[in-house]
Amino acid sequence: MIDAITSGLDQVLQWETLGLMLIGMLIGFVVGILPGLGGAVALALLLPFTFAMEPVQGLVFLLSMWIVTGTAGDITSVLFGIPGEATSAAAVLDGYPMTKRGQGGRALGIVLTSSAMGIVFGAIVLGVFITVIRPLVLLLGPPEFFMLVLLGLAFVVTLAGKNLAKGMAMVAFGLLVSYVGSDPSAGLPRFTFDQMYLWSGIALIPVVVGLFGGAEVLQLMLTRSSIANGPLGDTKLTGTMRGVTDALRHWPVVIRSSSIGVVIGMLPGLGGTVAQWISYGQARQTSKNPEQFGKGAVDGLVAAGATNNAKDAGSLIPTIAFGIPGGAATAVLLGGFLVLGVKPGQEMLTTQLGITFSMVWTVIIAGILGVVFAFALVRPLAAMTKISGPVITPILFMFIVIGAYTANNSWGDLLVMLGASVLGVVCLRWDWPRVPFLLALVLGKLLEQYLNLSNTLFGAEWLTRPGVLIVGLAVLATLFLSIRSVHRDHRARLADETVPGPRTRAMQTIGRKK
C-alpha cells in the first residue's frame, strides 16, 4: 500500500504529467466560468484527446480539469451572481450579497479557501476508503460484479428524479444501443443492418461528445445569445486575506460540510445539487446568526465552498471500487477509464493500485493549485461569459468535430456524434434524462461480460451465492423506494390540485351567503 501511494505521487510529479495537469486546469477554469457547461460537458469535450495518452496522464488531465471546474464555478457565483454550474448555486446566496457590499475579495477568499480545505478532506477520505474497501472487493467474483452492475442501473433510474418512466425508457434504449455489434460469445452480428461500421459497436467517445457537448453547443446556437446575460460590473477584489482567515476560523463548518459532501457524493443518484443544499441547511441550523443567511453569512459561504469540491472526491469512491458512477461527470469519467484501458473494481485496487493513488494525489494537487491560480485568473476568464453565442459556438463545435473524428479516424463517428447531439437537444427540450442513457450504454457491455463469465464458471448455481442475494435485495429495495417516492409525489400533486385556492374559496363563500 505504501509503495502504491509513493508510486502514484511519483507518476503525477513527472514533467509531462504535470504539464498536462496545468493544461487541464486552465481548460477547467474556462469551462467552469462559463455558466451552463459544467464538469460533465468539459469531460465529454476533452475525452477524445486522451485516446493516445498513457493511463496516468489521461486520468490526471481529466481529473485536474474536472476538479478545477467546481472552483471556477464558485468564482462567477460570488462575483457576478451567475452560478457556473448547478452545484455552485448555493454560493450565490451569501457570496453575491457580500460582493454588492464591496466585499468581493473577502467573499472570494472565503469560498476558495473552504474549497481547498474541502477537496483535501475529500481526497483523504478517498484514500482511506480505498484501503478499507480493497479486501471487500477482492472477495467478489463475476456473479457479484454482475449484480453490482444491475445495482448501478437501478441507481441510474433514480437519476431521472420524478420522470421514472422516462428514466427506465432511457436505460432500456441505452442497453439496446450498447449491444450493437458482434456477440462476444457467438461472434454473430447484432443490430448491424449490414453496415461494417457497426460490427465493432457504437463508439463511446462520439456519443459522449455529442450527447453533452454537442447538445449544449446547439442549444447555445439556437438561443443566439451570450452565455451570461447579466452585467459583469466593477468588482473590488480587496480584503482577500480577511476571507482566508474567516474560512480558517470556521473549520468546524468545513469539516461538517465536507463530510456531507463526501457521503452524498458516494450515493449514486443524489449528486452535488442535493449535497450543497443539505450542507447549506445544516450550516444555517448550527449557525449563531441564522438570520444573516442569504444576506452575506460567512458560515453559509464556507459550507457552499467546502461541499462543492468534497462531493467530487466522494463520487469517485463507487466509481473506482464498483464502476458505479455517482452522477453525470463520473459517468463520463467512467467512459474515460475504459478508453484508457483502466477497469474499475479489482484491477484498480490490486494490479493498478498505483494508478488509483495517482488519482488521489491529482485531486489534492489540482485542488490546491486551482485555488492559488483562481485569484489571478478571475477577471480575464469572467469576461469570456459575455462573448456572443454565434461567435463562440463555431469554435466549440470545431473542437467537438475534431474530438469525435480523431478517436477512430472514422466518418461514421461524426454521424454518431451528430445523432447523439440531436438526441441531447431533444432530451433537454422535452425533459428526458440523458444520464440514464449514457450509463446504460457504458454498463451494458459490462453486464453482458459478467453474465457470460458467471454462467461459464458457476452455471446456474451463482444465483444462490450470498453476495448475489444481498445485492439483489439492494436492487429491489432501490427500485421500490424510487417507485414509492414518485408515487408519493404524484399523490401530493393531485392533492394540491384538488385543494381550492383563496379566490376559489372566496367565491364559494359568497355563493353560500347568497
Protein backbone atom coordinates (compact mmCIF):
# COMPACT_ATOMS: atom_id res chain seq x y z
CA MET A 1 0.00 0.00 0.00
CA ILE A 2 2.82 2.42 0.89
CA ASP A 3 4.59 1.55 -2.38
CA ALA A 4 1.37 2.28 -4.30
CA ILE A 5 1.00 5.66 -2.55
CA THR A 6 4.57 6.72 -3.32
CA SER A 7 4.35 5.30 -6.85
CA GLY A 8 1.18 7.29 -7.50
CA LEU A 9 2.84 10.52 -6.33
CA ASP A 10 5.94 9.82 -8.41
CA GLN A 11 3.87 9.30 -11.57
CA VAL A 12 1.96 12.54 -11.02
CA LEU A 13 5.16 14.57 -10.46
CA GLN A 14 6.61 13.63 -13.86
CA TRP A 15 7.16 16.74 -16.01
CA GLU A 16 4.89 15.62 -18.84
CA THR A 17 2.11 14.69 -16.42
CA LEU A 18 2.42 17.99 -14.55
CA GLY A 19 2.22 19.85 -17.86
CA LEU A 20 -0.98 18.03 -18.78
CA MET A 21 -2.35 18.83 -15.32
CA LEU A 22 -1.74 22.55 -15.84
CA ILE A 23 -3.38 22.44 -19.28
CA GLY A 24 -6.36 20.58 -17.83
CA MET A 25 -6.68 23.11 -15.02
CA LEU A 26 -6.66 26.03 -17.47
CA ILE A 27 -9.38 24.40 -19.56
CA GLY A 28 -11.32 23.65 -16.38
CA PHE A 29 -11.20 27.32 -15.42
CA VAL A 30 -12.55 28.36 -18.81
CA VAL A 31 -15.37 25.79 -18.77
CA GLY A 32 -16.24 26.34 -15.12
CA ILE A 33 -16.55 30.08 -15.53
CA LEU A 34 -18.94 29.68 -18.49
CA PRO A 35 -22.38 29.16 -16.93
CA GLY A 36 -24.32 26.12 -18.07
CA LEU A 37 -21.45 23.95 -19.34
CA GLY A 38 -20.18 22.23 -16.17
CA GLY A 39 -17.79 19.37 -15.47
CA ALA A 40 -19.65 16.68 -17.41
CA VAL A 41 -19.59 18.74 -20.60
CA ALA A 42 -15.88 19.53 -20.14
CA LEU A 43 -15.03 15.86 -19.68
CA ALA A 44 -17.10 14.91 -22.71
CA LEU A 45 -15.42 17.52 -24.92
CA LEU A 46 -11.87 16.54 -23.96
CA LEU A 47 -12.24 12.78 -23.56
CA PRO A 48 -11.16 12.10 -27.17
CA PHE A 49 -7.85 13.91 -26.63
CA THR A 50 -6.79 11.31 -24.03
CA PHE A 51 -7.01 8.46 -26.52
CA ALA A 52 -3.24 8.34 -27.22
CA MET A 53 -2.16 9.16 -23.65
CA GLU A 54 -0.81 6.83 -21.01
CA PRO A 55 -3.44 5.89 -18.38
CA VAL A 56 -1.97 8.08 -15.62
CA GLN A 57 -1.52 11.06 -17.94
CA GLY A 58 -5.05 10.77 -19.29
CA LEU A 59 -6.62 10.45 -15.83
CA VAL A 60 -4.56 13.35 -14.46
CA PHE A 61 -5.62 15.51 -17.42
CA LEU A 62 -9.33 14.73 -16.98
CA LEU A 63 -9.38 14.86 -13.17
CA SER A 64 -7.48 18.15 -12.87
CA MET A 65 -9.87 19.77 -15.34
CA TRP A 66 -12.95 18.40 -13.54
CA ILE A 67 -11.80 19.43 -10.06
CA VAL A 68 -10.97 22.99 -11.12
CA THR A 69 -14.33 23.37 -12.87
CA GLY A 70 -16.10 23.44 -9.49
CA THR A 71 -13.71 26.07 -8.14
CA ALA A 72 -14.20 28.30 -11.18
CA GLY A 73 -17.97 27.94 -10.84
CA ASP A 74 -17.73 29.44 -7.37
CA ILE A 75 -15.95 32.49 -8.79
CA THR A 76 -18.81 33.54 -11.05
CA SER A 77 -21.33 32.73 -8.32
CA VAL A 78 -19.60 35.10 -5.89
CA LEU A 79 -18.56 37.92 -8.20
CA PHE A 80 -21.45 38.10 -10.64
CA GLY A 81 -24.32 36.13 -9.08
CA ILE A 82 -24.18 33.70 -12.02
CA PRO A 83 -23.64 30.06 -11.00
CA GLY A 84 -21.01 28.41 -13.19
CA GLU A 85 -22.99 25.19 -12.79
CA ALA A 86 -25.91 23.90 -10.71
CA THR A 87 -23.64 22.70 -7.91
CA SER A 88 -22.36 26.26 -7.36
CA ALA A 89 -25.78 27.83 -6.86
CA ALA A 90 -25.61 27.92 -3.04
CA ALA A 91 -22.55 30.18 -3.18
CA VAL A 92 -24.68 32.88 -4.82
CA LEU A 93 -26.92 33.29 -1.78
CA ASP A 94 -24.25 34.75 0.51
CA GLY A 95 -21.31 35.41 -1.83
CA TYR A 96 -23.03 37.82 -4.21
CA PRO A 97 -24.57 40.00 -1.45
CA MET A 98 -21.06 40.39 0.02
CA THR A 99 -19.75 41.44 -3.41
CA LYS A 100 -22.51 44.06 -3.79
CA ARG A 101 -21.42 45.49 -0.43
CA GLY A 102 -17.88 45.91 -1.80
CA GLN A 103 -16.54 42.75 -0.10
CA GLY A 104 -15.94 40.68 -3.24
CA GLY A 105 -12.34 39.95 -2.30
CA ARG A 106 -13.34 38.75 1.14
CA ALA A 107 -16.06 36.53 -0.33
CA LEU A 108 -13.57 35.06 -2.80
CA GLY A 109 -11.09 34.38 0.00
CA ILE A 110 -13.80 32.55 1.96
CA VAL A 111 -15.15 30.37 -0.84
CA LEU A 112 -11.78 29.50 -2.37
CA THR A 113 -10.11 28.66 0.94
CA SER A 114 -13.03 26.49 2.04
CA SER A 115 -12.96 24.81 -1.39
CA ALA A 116 -9.28 23.94 -0.92
CA MET A 117 -9.92 22.56 2.56
CA GLY A 118 -12.92 20.59 1.30
CA ILE A 119 -11.01 18.97 -1.57
CA VAL A 120 -8.13 17.95 0.71
CA PHE A 121 -10.59 16.44 3.19
CA GLY A 122 -12.40 14.59 0.41
CA ALA A 123 -9.14 13.25 -1.07
CA ILE A 124 -8.02 11.93 2.33
CA VAL A 125 -11.37 10.15 2.76
CA LEU A 126 -10.99 8.75 -0.77
CA GLY A 127 -7.53 7.36 0.05
CA VAL A 128 -8.74 5.84 3.32
CA PHE A 129 -11.76 4.22 1.65
CA ILE A 130 -9.50 2.64 -0.97
CA THR A 131 -7.52 0.89 1.74
CA VAL A 132 -10.66 -0.18 3.63
CA ILE A 133 -12.74 -1.34 0.69
CA ARG A 134 -9.91 -3.23 -1.02
CA PRO A 135 -10.32 -6.51 0.93
CA LEU A 136 -14.08 -6.46 0.29
CA VAL A 137 -13.67 -6.08 -3.46
CA LEU A 138 -11.14 -8.95 -3.56
CA LEU A 139 -13.82 -11.30 -2.18
CA LEU A 140 -16.17 -10.56 -5.07
CA GLY A 141 -16.36 -12.59 -8.28
CA PRO A 142 -18.11 -12.18 -11.66
CA PRO A 143 -21.58 -13.00 -10.20
CA GLU A 144 -21.30 -10.29 -7.56
CA PHE A 145 -20.00 -7.77 -10.10
CA PHE A 146 -22.90 -8.63 -12.39
CA MET A 147 -25.31 -7.80 -9.58
CA LEU A 148 -23.39 -4.60 -8.77
CA VAL A 149 -23.79 -3.50 -12.39
CA LEU A 150 -27.52 -4.19 -12.03
CA LEU A 151 -27.48 -2.10 -8.86
CA GLY A 152 -25.76 0.66 -10.83
CA LEU A 153 -28.54 0.53 -13.41
CA ALA A 154 -31.11 0.69 -10.61
CA PHE A 155 -29.41 3.81 -9.25
CA VAL A 156 -29.39 5.19 -12.79
CA VAL A 157 -33.17 5.15 -12.75
CA THR A 158 -33.14 7.34 -9.63
CA LEU A 159 -31.19 9.96 -11.60
CA ALA A 160 -34.37 10.55 -13.59
CA GLY A 161 -35.99 12.09 -10.49
CA LYS A 162 -39.74 12.44 -10.96
CA ASN A 163 -39.55 11.13 -14.54
CA LEU A 164 -39.20 7.50 -13.50
CA ALA A 165 -40.83 6.09 -16.63
CA LYS A 166 -38.63 8.24 -18.85
CA GLY A 167 -35.56 7.15 -16.89
CA MET A 168 -36.38 3.46 -17.33
CA ALA A 169 -37.05 4.02 -21.03
CA MET A 170 -33.67 5.72 -21.47
CA VAL A 171 -31.96 2.86 -19.62
CA ALA A 172 -33.60 0.36 -21.97
CA PHE A 173 -32.59 2.44 -25.00
CA GLY A 174 -29.00 2.70 -23.73
CA LEU A 175 -28.77 -1.07 -23.20
CA LEU A 176 -30.13 -1.66 -26.70
CA VAL A 177 -27.52 0.63 -28.24
CA SER A 178 -24.73 -0.97 -26.16
CA TYR A 179 -25.45 -4.37 -27.74
CA VAL A 180 -24.96 -3.14 -31.31
CA GLY A 181 -22.05 -5.06 -32.83
CA SER A 182 -20.86 -8.65 -32.76
CA ASP A 183 -21.91 -11.04 -30.00
CA PRO A 184 -18.79 -11.71 -27.85
CA SER A 185 -19.78 -15.32 -27.15
CA ALA A 186 -21.10 -16.42 -30.57
CA GLY A 187 -19.34 -13.92 -32.84
CA LEU A 188 -22.55 -13.16 -34.72
CA PRO A 189 -23.53 -9.58 -35.71
CA ARG A 190 -26.36 -7.88 -33.80
CA PHE A 191 -28.34 -4.82 -34.99
CA THR A 192 -25.68 -4.02 -37.61
CA PHE A 193 -28.08 -3.62 -40.58
CA ASP A 194 -25.33 -4.88 -42.93
CA GLN A 195 -23.10 -1.90 -42.07
CA MET A 196 -19.43 -2.75 -41.48
CA TYR A 197 -19.03 0.30 -39.24
CA LEU A 198 -21.50 -1.16 -36.72
CA TRP A 199 -19.70 -4.52 -36.44
CA SER A 200 -17.42 -3.09 -33.75
CA GLY A 201 -20.34 -1.47 -31.92
CA ILE A 202 -21.29 2.14 -31.29
CA ALA A 203 -18.17 4.06 -30.26
CA LEU A 204 -18.44 5.63 -26.82
CA ILE A 205 -16.49 8.84 -27.44
CA PRO A 206 -18.68 10.35 -30.22
CA VAL A 207 -21.80 9.51 -28.19
CA VAL A 208 -20.47 11.25 -25.08
CA VAL A 209 -19.18 14.24 -27.05
CA GLY A 210 -22.48 14.68 -28.86
CA LEU A 211 -24.85 13.91 -26.01
CA PHE A 212 -23.36 16.51 -23.68
CA GLY A 213 -21.03 18.85 -25.59
CA GLY A 214 -22.86 18.89 -28.93
CA ALA A 215 -26.27 19.30 -27.32
CA GLU A 216 -25.17 22.26 -25.19
CA VAL A 217 -23.49 23.97 -28.16
CA LEU A 218 -26.59 23.50 -30.32
CA GLN A 219 -28.73 24.92 -27.52
CA LEU A 220 -26.44 27.93 -27.27
CA MET A 221 -26.56 28.40 -31.05
CA LEU A 222 -30.36 28.26 -31.07
CA THR A 223 -30.67 30.91 -28.33
CA ARG A 224 -28.30 33.26 -30.25
CA SER A 225 -27.22 34.99 -27.04
CA SER A 226 -24.13 35.12 -24.87
CA ILE A 227 -23.61 32.50 -22.19
CA ALA A 228 -24.01 35.04 -19.39
CA ASN A 229 -26.67 37.70 -19.90
CA GLY A 230 -26.09 39.66 -16.68
CA PRO A 231 -23.68 42.60 -16.34
CA LEU A 232 -20.15 41.92 -15.21
CA GLY A 233 -19.89 45.17 -13.30
CA ASP A 234 -16.91 46.51 -11.37
CA THR A 235 -15.75 44.30 -8.58
CA LYS A 236 -13.40 45.40 -5.80
CA LEU A 237 -11.22 42.40 -5.05
CA THR A 238 -9.91 43.67 -1.72
CA GLY A 239 -9.88 42.02 1.69
CA THR A 240 -8.93 38.59 0.33
CA MET A 241 -6.74 37.65 3.31
CA ARG A 242 -9.57 38.54 5.65
CA GLY A 243 -11.70 36.00 3.81
CA VAL A 244 -8.99 33.36 4.13
CA THR A 245 -8.90 33.99 7.87
CA ASP A 246 -12.70 33.77 8.08
CA ALA A 247 -12.66 30.34 6.40
CA LEU A 248 -9.94 29.04 8.71
CA ARG A 249 -11.86 30.26 11.78
CA HIS A 250 -14.94 28.34 10.62
CA TRP A 251 -13.10 25.00 10.28
CA PRO A 252 -15.88 23.03 12.08
CA VAL A 253 -18.29 24.12 9.35
CA VAL A 254 -15.75 22.97 6.75
CA ILE A 255 -15.47 19.53 8.35
CA ARG A 256 -19.25 19.05 8.65
CA SER A 257 -19.96 20.32 5.13
CA SER A 258 -17.14 18.30 3.58
CA SER A 259 -18.39 15.17 5.35
CA ILE A 260 -21.89 15.72 3.98
CA GLY A 261 -20.46 16.31 0.51
CA VAL A 262 -18.39 13.11 0.58
CA VAL A 263 -21.22 10.92 1.90
CA ILE A 264 -23.82 12.22 -0.55
CA GLY A 265 -21.28 12.13 -3.37
CA MET A 266 -20.86 8.40 -2.68
CA LEU A 267 -24.58 7.76 -3.21
CA PRO A 268 -25.40 7.44 -6.93
CA GLY A 269 -28.45 9.40 -7.96
CA LEU A 270 -28.26 12.26 -5.45
CA GLY A 271 -25.46 14.40 -6.81
CA GLY A 272 -23.86 17.70 -5.92
CA THR A 273 -27.03 19.76 -6.13
CA VAL A 274 -28.57 17.79 -3.27
CA ALA A 275 -25.32 17.87 -1.28
CA GLN A 276 -24.95 21.64 -1.42
CA TRP A 277 -28.45 22.37 -0.14
CA ILE A 278 -28.26 19.79 2.65
CA SER A 279 -24.90 21.23 3.68
CA TYR A 280 -26.21 24.79 3.47
CA GLY A 281 -29.23 23.82 5.57
CA GLN A 282 -27.15 22.24 8.33
CA ALA A 283 -24.88 25.29 8.41
CA ARG A 284 -27.91 27.51 8.93
CA GLN A 285 -29.29 25.26 11.68
CA THR A 286 -25.99 25.28 13.60
CA SER A 287 -25.19 28.96 13.00
CA LYS A 288 -25.26 31.53 15.79
CA ASN A 289 -26.68 34.08 13.32
CA PRO A 290 -29.13 32.21 11.08
CA GLU A 291 -30.91 35.45 10.18
CA GLN A 292 -27.81 36.52 8.20
CA PHE A 293 -28.13 33.64 5.74
CA GLY A 294 -28.98 34.93 2.29
CA LYS A 295 -27.57 38.36 3.20
CA GLY A 296 -23.84 37.55 3.36
CA ALA A 297 -23.34 34.93 6.10
CA VAL A 298 -19.74 33.76 6.35
CA ASP A 299 -20.60 30.24 7.53
CA GLY A 300 -23.15 29.84 4.70
CA LEU A 301 -20.49 30.67 2.10
CA VAL A 302 -17.99 28.37 3.83
CA ALA A 303 -20.47 25.49 3.69
CA ALA A 304 -21.17 26.05 -0.01
CA GLY A 305 -17.48 26.19 -0.94
CA ALA A 306 -16.41 23.15 1.08
CA THR A 307 -19.23 20.95 -0.22
CA ASN A 308 -18.71 21.82 -3.87
CA ASN A 309 -15.34 20.07 -4.13
CA ALA A 310 -15.63 17.43 -1.39
CA LYS A 311 -18.56 15.76 -3.15
CA ASP A 312 -16.41 15.18 -6.25
CA ALA A 313 -13.93 13.11 -4.25
CA GLY A 314 -16.83 11.19 -2.69
CA SER A 315 -18.33 10.35 -6.09
CA LEU A 316 -15.02 8.79 -7.15
CA ILE A 317 -15.28 6.10 -4.44
CA PRO A 318 -18.09 3.96 -6.00
CA THR A 319 -16.77 4.72 -9.50
CA ILE A 320 -13.32 3.30 -8.71
CA ALA A 321 -14.40 0.42 -6.48
CA PHE A 322 -17.51 -0.86 -8.28
CA GLY A 323 -17.79 1.01 -11.58
CA ILE A 324 -21.00 2.71 -10.37
CA PRO A 325 -20.84 6.45 -11.22
CA GLY A 326 -22.30 8.94 -8.80
CA GLY A 327 -23.57 11.32 -11.46
CA ALA A 328 -23.14 12.70 -14.96
CA ALA A 329 -19.48 13.75 -14.60
CA THR A 330 -18.33 10.43 -13.15
CA ALA A 331 -20.36 8.63 -15.83
CA VAL A 332 -18.27 10.37 -18.48
CA LEU A 333 -15.14 9.70 -16.40
CA LEU A 334 -16.04 6.01 -16.31
CA GLY A 335 -16.05 6.10 -20.10
CA GLY A 336 -12.57 7.64 -19.84
CA PHE A 337 -11.46 4.68 -17.70
CA LEU A 338 -12.50 2.28 -20.44
CA VAL A 339 -10.88 4.37 -23.20
CA LEU A 340 -7.58 4.42 -21.28
CA GLY A 341 -7.71 0.70 -20.57
CA VAL A 342 -8.37 1.08 -16.83
CA LYS A 343 -11.06 -1.21 -15.46
CA PRO A 344 -12.83 -0.19 -12.22
CA GLY A 345 -13.11 -2.77 -9.48
CA GLN A 346 -10.49 -5.38 -8.67
CA GLU A 347 -7.83 -4.18 -11.09
CA MET A 348 -7.83 -0.59 -9.78
CA LEU A 349 -7.49 -1.94 -6.23
CA THR A 350 -4.79 -4.55 -6.95
CA THR A 351 -2.60 -4.51 -10.08
CA GLN A 352 -3.40 -0.84 -10.89
CA LEU A 353 -3.37 0.47 -7.33
CA GLY A 354 -0.59 2.93 -8.21
CA ILE A 355 -2.82 4.47 -10.89
CA THR A 356 -5.63 4.74 -8.35
CA PHE A 357 -3.45 6.64 -5.86
CA SER A 358 -2.22 8.88 -8.66
CA MET A 359 -5.86 9.97 -8.91
CA VAL A 360 -5.93 10.75 -5.19
CA TRP A 361 -2.77 12.87 -5.48
CA THR A 362 -4.18 14.61 -8.56
CA VAL A 363 -7.31 15.62 -6.64
CA ILE A 364 -5.18 17.14 -3.86
CA ILE A 365 -2.58 18.90 -6.03
CA ALA A 366 -5.01 20.19 -8.66
CA GLY A 367 -7.45 21.36 -5.98
CA ILE A 368 -4.82 23.39 -4.13
CA LEU A 369 -3.15 24.79 -7.26
CA GLY A 370 -6.58 25.65 -8.67
CA VAL A 371 -7.31 27.85 -5.69
CA VAL A 372 -3.90 29.53 -5.98
CA PHE A 373 -4.43 30.28 -9.68
CA ALA A 374 -8.02 31.40 -9.16
CA PHE A 375 -7.13 34.78 -7.71
CA ALA A 376 -5.01 35.68 -10.75
CA LEU A 377 -7.43 34.42 -13.41
CA VAL A 378 -10.74 35.81 -12.16
CA ARG A 379 -11.19 38.90 -14.32
CA PRO A 380 -9.92 37.69 -17.72
CA LEU A 381 -11.89 34.44 -17.52
CA ALA A 382 -15.05 36.19 -16.35
CA ALA A 383 -15.01 38.38 -19.46
CA MET A 384 -15.46 35.27 -21.63
CA THR A 385 -19.02 34.87 -20.41
CA LYS A 386 -20.01 37.94 -22.46
CA ILE A 387 -18.83 36.53 -25.81
CA SER A 388 -21.79 36.28 -28.19
CA GLY A 389 -23.20 32.80 -28.78
CA PRO A 390 -22.89 32.94 -32.61
CA VAL A 391 -19.20 33.84 -32.15
CA ILE A 392 -18.20 31.16 -29.65
CA THR A 393 -20.33 28.24 -30.91
CA PRO A 394 -18.30 27.66 -34.14
CA ILE A 395 -15.13 27.39 -32.05
CA LEU A 396 -16.73 24.94 -29.62
CA PHE A 397 -18.26 22.93 -32.45
CA MET A 398 -14.87 22.68 -34.16
CA PHE A 399 -13.44 21.05 -31.03
CA ILE A 400 -16.41 18.68 -30.90
CA VAL A 401 -15.93 17.57 -34.52
CA ILE A 402 -12.18 17.10 -34.07
CA GLY A 403 -12.71 15.14 -30.86
CA ALA A 404 -15.32 12.84 -32.36
CA TYR A 405 -13.31 12.13 -35.53
CA THR A 406 -9.82 11.64 -34.07
CA ALA A 407 -10.92 8.86 -31.69
CA ASN A 408 -11.07 6.30 -34.53
CA ASN A 409 -10.47 8.46 -37.66
CA SER A 410 -13.89 7.36 -38.91
CA TRP A 411 -16.56 9.41 -40.69
CA GLY A 412 -19.13 7.12 -39.10
CA ASP A 413 -18.17 8.56 -35.70
CA LEU A 414 -19.15 12.03 -36.95
CA LEU A 415 -22.61 10.75 -37.86
CA VAL A 416 -22.92 9.12 -34.44
CA MET A 417 -21.85 12.39 -32.80
CA LEU A 418 -24.44 14.38 -34.75
CA GLY A 419 -27.15 11.86 -33.90
CA ALA A 420 -26.18 11.98 -30.22
CA SER A 421 -26.24 15.81 -30.34
CA VAL A 422 -29.77 15.79 -31.73
CA LEU A 423 -30.78 13.26 -29.08
CA GLY A 424 -29.27 15.53 -26.41
CA VAL A 425 -31.21 18.56 -27.64
CA VAL A 426 -34.44 16.55 -27.71
CA CYS A 427 -33.78 15.40 -24.14
CA LEU A 428 -33.17 18.99 -23.00
CA ARG A 429 -36.25 20.38 -24.75
CA TRP A 430 -38.72 17.70 -23.62
CA ASP A 431 -37.19 16.93 -20.20
CA TRP A 432 -35.85 13.44 -20.89
CA PRO A 433 -32.86 12.46 -18.71
CA ARG A 434 -29.57 11.95 -20.59
CA VAL A 435 -27.51 10.37 -17.80
CA PRO A 436 -29.50 7.08 -17.65
CA PHE A 437 -28.91 6.54 -21.37
CA LEU A 438 -25.17 7.18 -21.08
CA LEU A 439 -24.68 4.97 -18.03
CA ALA A 440 -26.68 2.14 -19.60
CA LEU A 441 -24.51 2.44 -22.71
CA VAL A 442 -21.34 2.20 -20.58
CA LEU A 443 -22.59 -0.54 -18.25
CA GLY A 444 -24.37 -2.64 -20.88
CA LYS A 445 -21.26 -4.42 -22.13
CA LEU A 446 -20.01 -4.99 -18.58
CA LEU A 447 -23.38 -6.51 -17.74
CA GLU A 448 -23.10 -8.97 -20.63
CA GLN A 449 -19.46 -9.77 -19.86
CA TYR A 450 -20.07 -10.63 -16.20
CA LEU A 451 -23.20 -12.62 -17.05
CA ASN A 452 -21.28 -14.78 -19.54
CA LEU A 453 -18.44 -15.33 -17.05
CA SER A 454 -20.88 -16.23 -14.26
CA ASN A 455 -22.68 -18.82 -16.39
CA THR A 456 -19.40 -20.27 -17.67
CA LEU A 457 -17.73 -20.58 -14.26
CA PHE A 458 -20.65 -21.46 -11.99
CA GLY A 459 -23.60 -22.47 -14.17
CA ALA A 460 -26.93 -21.64 -12.54
CA GLU A 461 -25.50 -22.01 -9.01
CA TRP A 462 -24.24 -18.46 -8.96
CA LEU A 463 -27.81 -17.27 -8.36
CA THR A 464 -27.66 -18.76 -4.83
CA ARG A 465 -24.38 -17.11 -3.75
CA PRO A 466 -24.84 -14.97 -0.59
CA GLY A 467 -23.31 -11.86 -2.17
CA VAL A 468 -25.63 -12.16 -5.16
CA LEU A 469 -28.68 -12.44 -2.92
CA ILE A 470 -27.65 -9.47 -0.77
CA VAL A 471 -27.00 -7.18 -3.74
CA GLY A 472 -30.20 -8.46 -5.39
CA LEU A 473 -32.18 -7.32 -2.35
CA ALA A 474 -30.47 -3.93 -2.60
CA VAL A 475 -31.53 -3.69 -6.27
CA LEU A 476 -35.16 -4.46 -5.39
CA ALA A 477 -35.10 -2.02 -2.47
CA THR A 478 -33.68 0.75 -4.70
CA LEU A 479 -36.39 0.25 -7.31
CA PHE A 480 -39.12 0.03 -4.67
CA LEU A 481 -38.03 3.26 -2.96
CA SER A 482 -37.80 5.07 -6.30
CA ILE A 483 -41.29 3.96 -7.34
CA ARG A 484 -42.74 4.81 -3.93
CA SER A 485 -41.15 8.27 -3.99
CA VAL A 486 -42.57 9.02 -7.44
CA HIS A 487 -45.99 7.70 -6.40
CA ARG A 488 -45.96 9.85 -3.25
CA ASP A 489 -45.02 12.97 -5.23
CA HIS A 490 -47.80 12.22 -7.72
CA ARG A 491 -50.39 11.92 -4.95
CA ALA A 492 -49.15 15.17 -3.39
CA ARG A 493 -49.56 17.00 -6.72
CA LEU A 494 -53.08 15.62 -7.11
CA ALA A 495 -53.93 16.75 -3.59
CA ASP A 496 -52.62 20.26 -4.33
CA GLU A 497 -54.71 20.44 -7.49
CA THR A 498 -57.90 19.46 -5.66
CA VAL A 499 -57.44 21.99 -2.83
CA PRO A 500 -59.23 25.25 -3.85
CA GLY A 501 -57.16 28.40 -3.90
CA PRO A 502 -58.00 31.61 -1.96
CA ARG A 503 -60.00 33.11 -4.84
CA THR A 504 -61.99 29.91 -5.33
CA ARG A 505 -62.76 29.64 -1.60
CA ALA A 506 -63.90 33.28 -1.53
CA MET A 507 -66.27 32.69 -4.45
CA GLN A 508 -67.64 29.59 -2.75
CA THR A 509 -68.28 31.59 0.44
CA ILE A 510 -70.11 34.34 -1.48
CA GLY A 511 -72.23 31.72 -3.22
CA ARG A 512 -73.23 30.12 0.08
CA LYS A 513 -74.19 33.54 1.54
CA LYS A 514 -76.37 34.29 -1.49
